[in-house]
Amino acid sequence: MNARRFAAIAALLCGLSAGGCSTVGNGRLVQLEAAEARTLLVVGRTTRDDARQQFGAGTVIHFQSGMETWHYFHREGVAKGWDDVPYIGLITARLQRPTRELVLLFDAGGVLRRWSLQEGRSGLP
């Protein structure tokens, strides 16, 4: 391997390791524990405005019935955008990264009906 190619690979690896502490998504989910979620998310009482105040704007899916789900996601790992770089995405896709997802279901009146907080790992096995 020539010196120029080695230097380019070394620089790339340094950049990836520096970005390895980055996160993608809603940072509020990092501190959210199940007990706190049960306090904040009360079925039949919590409203969309309450959720927006606590977690910000989520990804919303509207249904014809008037119900809607709000999705919040957090993933630790490489900085945003690295997954889309040719060849780098092949490497980053294999990294096992901790994830957290919060899904809220609101009725047509904007009142919480169900919620789910899940932890897992992203990446290929």
N, C-alpha and C. Protein backbone atom coordinates (compact mmCIF):
# COMPACT_ATOMS: atom_id res chain seq x y z
N MET A 1 0.87 -1.17 0.00
CA MET A 1 0.00 0.00 0.00
C MET A 1 0.91 1.23 0.00
N ASN A 2 0.63 2.16 -0.89
CA ASN A 2 1.50 3.34 -0.94
C ASN A 2 1.17 4.31 0.19
N ALA A 3 2.07 5.24 0.41
CA ALA A 3 1.96 6.16 1.55
C ALA A 3 0.73 7.07 1.43
N ARG A 4 0.40 7.48 0.22
CA ARG A 4 -0.74 8.37 0.03
C ARG A 4 -2.05 7.67 0.40
N ARG A 5 -2.21 6.44 -0.05
CA ARG A 5 -3.41 5.67 0.27
C ARG A 5 -3.49 5.40 1.77
N PHE A 6 -2.38 5.06 2.39
CA PHE A 6 -2.35 4.82 3.83
C PHE A 6 -2.75 6.07 4.60
N ALA A 7 -2.25 7.23 4.18
CA ALA A 7 -2.57 8.49 4.85
C ALA A 7 -4.07 8.80 4.72
N ALA A 8 -4.63 8.52 3.53
CA ALA A 8 -6.06 8.78 3.33
C ALA A 8 -6.92 7.88 4.22
N ILE A 9 -6.53 6.61 4.32
CA ILE A 9 -7.28 5.68 5.17
C ILE A 9 -7.14 6.07 6.64
N ALA A 10 -5.95 6.47 7.05
CA ALA A 10 -5.73 6.88 8.44
C ALA A 10 -6.56 8.12 8.77
N ALA A 11 -6.61 9.07 7.85
CA ALA A 11 -7.40 10.28 8.08
C ALA A 11 -8.89 9.94 8.17
N LEU A 12 -9.33 9.04 7.32
CA LEU A 12 -10.73 8.62 7.35
C LEU A 12 -11.08 7.94 8.67
N LEU A 13 -10.24 7.04 9.14
CA LEU A 13 -10.48 6.36 10.41
C LEU A 13 -10.48 7.33 11.58
N CYS A 14 -9.59 8.31 11.55
CA CYS A 14 -9.58 9.34 12.62
C CYS A 14 -10.89 10.12 12.61
N GLY A 15 -11.36 10.47 11.41
CA GLY A 15 -12.62 11.20 11.31
C GLY A 15 -13.78 10.39 11.82
N LEU A 16 -13.80 9.10 11.49
CA LEU A 16 -14.87 8.23 11.97
C LEU A 16 -14.84 8.08 13.48
N SER A 17 -13.65 7.93 14.04
CA SER A 17 -13.57 7.77 15.49
C SER A 17 -13.95 9.06 16.21
N ALA A 18 -13.64 10.21 15.62
CA ALA A 18 -14.04 11.48 16.23
C ALA A 18 -15.55 11.64 16.16
N GLY A 19 -16.16 11.18 15.08
CA GLY A 19 -17.61 11.27 14.94
C GLY A 19 -18.34 10.16 15.66
N GLY A 20 -17.61 9.20 16.20
CA GLY A 20 -18.22 8.05 16.84
C GLY A 20 -19.00 8.38 18.09
N CYS A 21 -18.79 9.53 18.65
CA CYS A 21 -19.51 9.92 19.86
C CYS A 21 -20.78 10.68 19.53
N SER A 22 -21.05 10.86 18.27
CA SER A 22 -22.20 11.64 17.87
C SER A 22 -23.48 10.84 18.04
N THR A 23 -24.59 11.55 17.96
CA THR A 23 -25.89 10.92 18.05
C THR A 23 -26.78 11.44 16.94
N VAL A 24 -27.82 10.70 16.65
CA VAL A 24 -28.80 11.11 15.66
C VAL A 24 -30.16 11.03 16.31
N GLY A 25 -30.98 12.07 16.11
CA GLY A 25 -32.35 12.02 16.59
C GLY A 25 -32.59 12.86 17.82
N ASN A 26 -33.61 12.50 18.56
CA ASN A 26 -34.07 13.27 19.71
C ASN A 26 -33.22 12.98 20.93
N GLY A 27 -32.38 13.95 21.32
CA GLY A 27 -31.49 13.80 22.47
C GLY A 27 -32.22 13.68 23.80
N ARG A 28 -33.47 14.10 23.87
CA ARG A 28 -34.25 14.01 25.12
C ARG A 28 -34.46 12.56 25.52
N LEU A 29 -34.47 11.66 24.55
CA LEU A 29 -34.70 10.25 24.85
C LEU A 29 -33.54 9.61 25.60
N VAL A 30 -32.36 10.20 25.52
CA VAL A 30 -31.19 9.63 26.19
C VAL A 30 -31.44 9.55 27.70
N GLN A 31 -32.01 10.60 28.28
CA GLN A 31 -32.22 10.64 29.73
C GLN A 31 -33.55 10.04 30.16
N LEU A 32 -34.45 9.75 29.22
CA LEU A 32 -35.79 9.29 29.58
C LEU A 32 -35.77 7.85 30.06
N GLU A 33 -36.12 7.66 31.30
CA GLU A 33 -36.24 6.32 31.89
C GLU A 33 -37.72 5.93 31.91
N ALA A 34 -37.99 4.65 32.01
CA ALA A 34 -39.36 4.16 31.98
C ALA A 34 -40.22 4.77 33.09
N ALA A 35 -39.65 4.92 34.29
CA ALA A 35 -40.42 5.49 35.40
C ALA A 35 -40.80 6.94 35.11
N GLU A 36 -39.88 7.71 34.56
CA GLU A 36 -40.18 9.10 34.21
C GLU A 36 -41.21 9.15 33.08
N ALA A 37 -41.09 8.25 32.12
CA ALA A 37 -42.05 8.20 31.00
C ALA A 37 -43.46 7.94 31.53
N ARG A 38 -43.58 7.03 32.51
CA ARG A 38 -44.91 6.75 33.08
C ARG A 38 -45.49 7.98 33.77
N THR A 39 -44.64 8.82 34.33
CA THR A 39 -45.10 10.05 34.98
C THR A 39 -45.52 11.10 33.95
N LEU A 40 -44.74 11.23 32.87
CA LEU A 40 -45.02 12.24 31.85
C LEU A 40 -46.14 11.84 30.89
N LEU A 41 -46.26 10.55 30.62
CA LEU A 41 -47.18 10.06 29.60
C LEU A 41 -48.33 9.29 30.25
N VAL A 42 -49.36 10.00 30.63
CA VAL A 42 -50.51 9.41 31.31
C VAL A 42 -51.64 9.22 30.29
N VAL A 43 -51.98 7.97 30.03
CA VAL A 43 -53.05 7.65 29.09
C VAL A 43 -54.35 8.29 29.55
N GLY A 44 -55.03 8.96 28.62
CA GLY A 44 -56.30 9.62 28.94
C GLY A 44 -56.13 11.04 29.45
N ARG A 45 -54.89 11.46 29.76
CA ARG A 45 -54.69 12.80 30.29
C ARG A 45 -53.66 13.62 29.49
N THR A 46 -52.57 13.00 29.10
CA THR A 46 -51.52 13.72 28.36
C THR A 46 -52.04 14.11 26.97
N THR A 47 -51.77 15.35 26.56
CA THR A 47 -52.22 15.84 25.27
C THR A 47 -51.05 16.00 24.30
N ARG A 48 -51.40 16.27 23.05
CA ARG A 48 -50.35 16.52 22.05
C ARG A 48 -49.48 17.70 22.46
N ASP A 49 -50.10 18.75 23.01
CA ASP A 49 -49.32 19.92 23.45
C ASP A 49 -48.35 19.53 24.56
N ASP A 50 -48.79 18.69 25.49
CA ASP A 50 -47.90 18.22 26.56
C ASP A 50 -46.70 17.49 25.96
N ALA A 51 -46.96 16.60 25.02
CA ALA A 51 -45.88 15.82 24.39
C ALA A 51 -44.93 16.74 23.63
N ARG A 52 -45.46 17.70 22.89
CA ARG A 52 -44.63 18.63 22.15
C ARG A 52 -43.73 19.43 23.09
N GLN A 53 -44.28 19.82 24.24
CA GLN A 53 -43.50 20.57 25.22
C GLN A 53 -42.38 19.71 25.80
N GLN A 54 -42.63 18.44 26.05
CA GLN A 54 -41.63 17.56 26.65
C GLN A 54 -40.58 17.06 25.66
N PHE A 55 -41.00 16.73 24.43
CA PHE A 55 -40.12 16.04 23.49
C PHE A 55 -39.89 16.78 22.18
N GLY A 56 -40.57 17.89 21.97
CA GLY A 56 -40.42 18.60 20.71
C GLY A 56 -41.29 17.99 19.63
N ALA A 57 -40.99 18.37 18.40
CA ALA A 57 -41.77 17.86 17.27
C ALA A 57 -41.26 16.48 16.88
N GLY A 58 -42.16 15.53 16.82
CA GLY A 58 -41.80 14.19 16.38
C GLY A 58 -42.20 13.99 14.93
N THR A 59 -41.97 12.80 14.43
CA THR A 59 -42.46 12.43 13.11
C THR A 59 -43.90 11.97 13.29
N VAL A 60 -44.82 12.63 12.60
CA VAL A 60 -46.25 12.39 12.82
C VAL A 60 -46.83 11.62 11.64
N ILE A 61 -47.63 10.61 11.96
CA ILE A 61 -48.39 9.88 10.95
C ILE A 61 -49.87 10.06 11.28
N HIS A 62 -50.62 10.62 10.33
CA HIS A 62 -52.05 10.87 10.51
C HIS A 62 -52.86 9.74 9.88
N PHE A 63 -53.95 9.36 10.54
CA PHE A 63 -54.86 8.34 10.03
C PHE A 63 -56.20 8.98 9.69
N GLN A 64 -56.94 8.37 8.79
CA GLN A 64 -58.24 8.91 8.39
C GLN A 64 -59.20 9.01 9.56
N SER A 65 -59.03 8.17 10.56
CA SER A 65 -59.91 8.18 11.73
C SER A 65 -59.70 9.41 12.60
N GLY A 66 -58.64 10.17 12.32
CA GLY A 66 -58.31 11.32 13.15
C GLY A 66 -57.22 11.01 14.16
N MET A 67 -56.95 9.73 14.36
CA MET A 67 -55.87 9.34 15.27
C MET A 67 -54.54 9.62 14.59
N GLU A 68 -53.51 9.72 15.40
CA GLU A 68 -52.16 9.92 14.86
C GLU A 68 -51.12 9.35 15.80
N THR A 69 -49.99 8.96 15.22
CA THR A 69 -48.86 8.50 16.01
C THR A 69 -47.74 9.51 15.88
N TRP A 70 -47.03 9.71 16.96
CA TRP A 70 -45.84 10.55 16.99
C TRP A 70 -44.66 9.65 17.30
N HIS A 71 -43.63 9.75 16.50
CA HIS A 71 -42.45 8.90 16.65
C HIS A 71 -41.23 9.76 16.99
N TYR A 72 -40.50 9.32 17.99
CA TYR A 72 -39.23 9.96 18.39
C TYR A 72 -38.16 8.87 18.38
N PHE A 73 -37.01 9.20 17.86
CA PHE A 73 -35.96 8.20 17.70
C PHE A 73 -34.61 8.80 18.10
N HIS A 74 -33.77 7.99 18.72
CA HIS A 74 -32.41 8.40 19.06
C HIS A 74 -31.47 7.25 18.78
N ARG A 75 -30.33 7.53 18.15
CA ARG A 75 -29.34 6.51 17.86
C ARG A 75 -27.95 7.06 18.15
N GLU A 76 -27.19 6.33 18.93
CA GLU A 76 -25.80 6.70 19.14
C GLU A 76 -24.98 6.16 17.99
N GLY A 77 -23.86 6.80 17.71
CA GLY A 77 -23.00 6.27 16.66
C GLY A 77 -22.30 7.36 15.89
N VAL A 78 -22.07 7.10 14.64
CA VAL A 78 -21.34 8.03 13.81
C VAL A 78 -22.19 9.24 13.50
N ALA A 79 -21.54 10.34 13.18
CA ALA A 79 -22.24 11.59 12.90
C ALA A 79 -23.16 11.44 11.70
N LYS A 80 -24.22 12.22 11.72
CA LYS A 80 -25.20 12.19 10.64
C LYS A 80 -24.52 12.45 9.30
N GLY A 81 -24.90 11.68 8.32
CA GLY A 81 -24.35 11.86 6.98
C GLY A 81 -23.32 10.82 6.60
N TRP A 82 -22.60 10.26 7.57
CA TRP A 82 -21.58 9.27 7.25
C TRP A 82 -22.18 8.01 6.64
N ASP A 83 -23.40 7.68 7.02
CA ASP A 83 -24.05 6.48 6.47
C ASP A 83 -24.29 6.61 4.97
N ASP A 84 -24.33 7.84 4.46
CA ASP A 84 -24.63 8.06 3.04
C ASP A 84 -23.38 8.17 2.17
N VAL A 85 -22.20 8.18 2.76
CA VAL A 85 -20.96 8.29 1.99
C VAL A 85 -20.64 6.93 1.37
N PRO A 86 -20.38 6.90 0.06
CA PRO A 86 -20.08 5.61 -0.58
C PRO A 86 -18.94 4.88 0.14
N TYR A 87 -19.07 3.61 0.28
CA TYR A 87 -18.14 2.69 0.93
C TYR A 87 -18.12 2.87 2.45
N ILE A 88 -18.20 4.09 2.95
CA ILE A 88 -18.23 4.31 4.40
C ILE A 88 -19.54 3.75 4.96
N GLY A 89 -20.64 3.94 4.22
CA GLY A 89 -21.93 3.42 4.64
C GLY A 89 -21.91 1.90 4.80
N LEU A 90 -21.09 1.22 4.02
CA LEU A 90 -20.98 -0.23 4.16
C LEU A 90 -20.38 -0.61 5.52
N ILE A 91 -19.47 0.22 6.00
CA ILE A 91 -18.84 -0.02 7.30
C ILE A 91 -19.77 0.40 8.43
N THR A 92 -20.33 1.61 8.34
CA THR A 92 -21.16 2.12 9.43
C THR A 92 -22.45 1.32 9.59
N ALA A 93 -22.95 0.71 8.51
CA ALA A 93 -24.17 -0.09 8.59
C ALA A 93 -23.96 -1.33 9.46
N ARG A 94 -22.74 -1.76 9.62
CA ARG A 94 -22.44 -2.96 10.41
C ARG A 94 -22.19 -2.64 11.89
N LEU A 95 -22.09 -1.37 12.23
CA LEU A 95 -21.85 -1.00 13.62
C LEU A 95 -23.10 -1.23 14.45
N GLN A 96 -22.96 -1.89 15.57
CA GLN A 96 -24.07 -2.10 16.50
C GLN A 96 -24.18 -0.86 17.38
N ARG A 97 -25.24 -0.07 17.17
CA ARG A 97 -25.39 1.18 17.89
C ARG A 97 -26.64 1.16 18.75
N PRO A 98 -26.53 1.62 20.00
CA PRO A 98 -27.72 1.68 20.86
C PRO A 98 -28.77 2.63 20.28
N THR A 99 -30.02 2.22 20.36
CA THR A 99 -31.12 3.05 19.88
C THR A 99 -32.21 3.12 20.94
N ARG A 100 -33.02 4.15 20.83
CA ARG A 100 -34.20 4.31 21.67
C ARG A 100 -35.29 4.89 20.81
N GLU A 101 -36.50 4.36 20.97
CA GLU A 101 -37.63 4.84 20.19
C GLU A 101 -38.84 5.03 21.11
N LEU A 102 -39.49 6.16 20.96
CA LEU A 102 -40.71 6.47 21.70
C LEU A 102 -41.82 6.68 20.67
N VAL A 103 -42.93 5.95 20.84
CA VAL A 103 -44.08 6.08 19.94
C VAL A 103 -45.30 6.42 20.79
N LEU A 104 -45.99 7.48 20.39
CA LEU A 104 -47.19 7.93 21.09
C LEU A 104 -48.39 7.82 20.16
N LEU A 105 -49.51 7.33 20.65
CA LEU A 105 -50.75 7.24 19.87
C LEU A 105 -51.77 8.18 20.49
N PHE A 106 -52.23 9.15 19.68
CA PHE A 106 -53.23 10.12 20.13
C PHE A 106 -54.55 9.87 19.43
N ASP A 107 -55.67 10.08 20.14
CA ASP A 107 -56.98 9.97 19.52
C ASP A 107 -57.28 11.25 18.74
N ALA A 108 -58.45 11.30 18.12
CA ALA A 108 -58.83 12.44 17.28
C ALA A 108 -58.91 13.73 18.09
N GLY A 109 -59.15 13.65 19.38
CA GLY A 109 -59.21 14.83 20.24
C GLY A 109 -57.85 15.29 20.74
N GLY A 110 -56.79 14.55 20.40
CA GLY A 110 -55.44 14.95 20.80
C GLY A 110 -55.03 14.45 22.17
N VAL A 111 -55.71 13.41 22.68
CA VAL A 111 -55.40 12.85 23.99
C VAL A 111 -54.67 11.51 23.80
N LEU A 112 -53.66 11.29 24.61
CA LEU A 112 -52.85 10.08 24.53
C LEU A 112 -53.67 8.83 24.84
N ARG A 113 -53.57 7.82 23.97
CA ARG A 113 -54.27 6.56 24.17
C ARG A 113 -53.31 5.41 24.47
N ARG A 114 -52.12 5.41 23.91
CA ARG A 114 -51.10 4.38 24.17
C ARG A 114 -49.74 4.99 23.91
N TRP A 115 -48.72 4.37 24.51
CA TRP A 115 -47.35 4.78 24.22
C TRP A 115 -46.41 3.60 24.41
N SER A 116 -45.23 3.69 23.80
CA SER A 116 -44.24 2.63 23.89
C SER A 116 -42.85 3.24 23.85
N LEU A 117 -42.00 2.83 24.79
CA LEU A 117 -40.59 3.23 24.83
C LEU A 117 -39.78 1.97 24.70
N GLN A 118 -38.97 1.89 23.63
CA GLN A 118 -38.20 0.69 23.36
C GLN A 118 -36.73 1.02 23.19
N GLU A 119 -35.89 0.10 23.66
CA GLU A 119 -34.45 0.21 23.46
C GLU A 119 -33.98 -0.97 22.63
N GLY A 120 -32.97 -0.75 21.84
CA GLY A 120 -32.45 -1.82 21.02
C GLY A 120 -31.09 -1.46 20.46
N ARG A 121 -30.72 -2.13 19.40
CA ARG A 121 -29.46 -1.87 18.72
C ARG A 121 -29.73 -1.86 17.23
N SER A 122 -29.10 -0.91 16.54
CA SER A 122 -29.24 -0.86 15.09
C SER A 122 -27.98 -1.44 14.45
N GLY A 123 -28.06 -1.72 13.19
CA GLY A 123 -26.91 -2.25 12.47
C GLY A 123 -27.14 -3.68 12.05
N LEU A 124 -26.31 -4.12 11.15
CA LEU A 124 -26.40 -5.49 10.65
C LEU A 124 -25.73 -6.44 11.60
N PRO A 125 -26.21 -7.68 11.69
CA PRO A 125 -25.58 -8.66 12.59
C PRO A 125 -24.21 -9.06 12.12
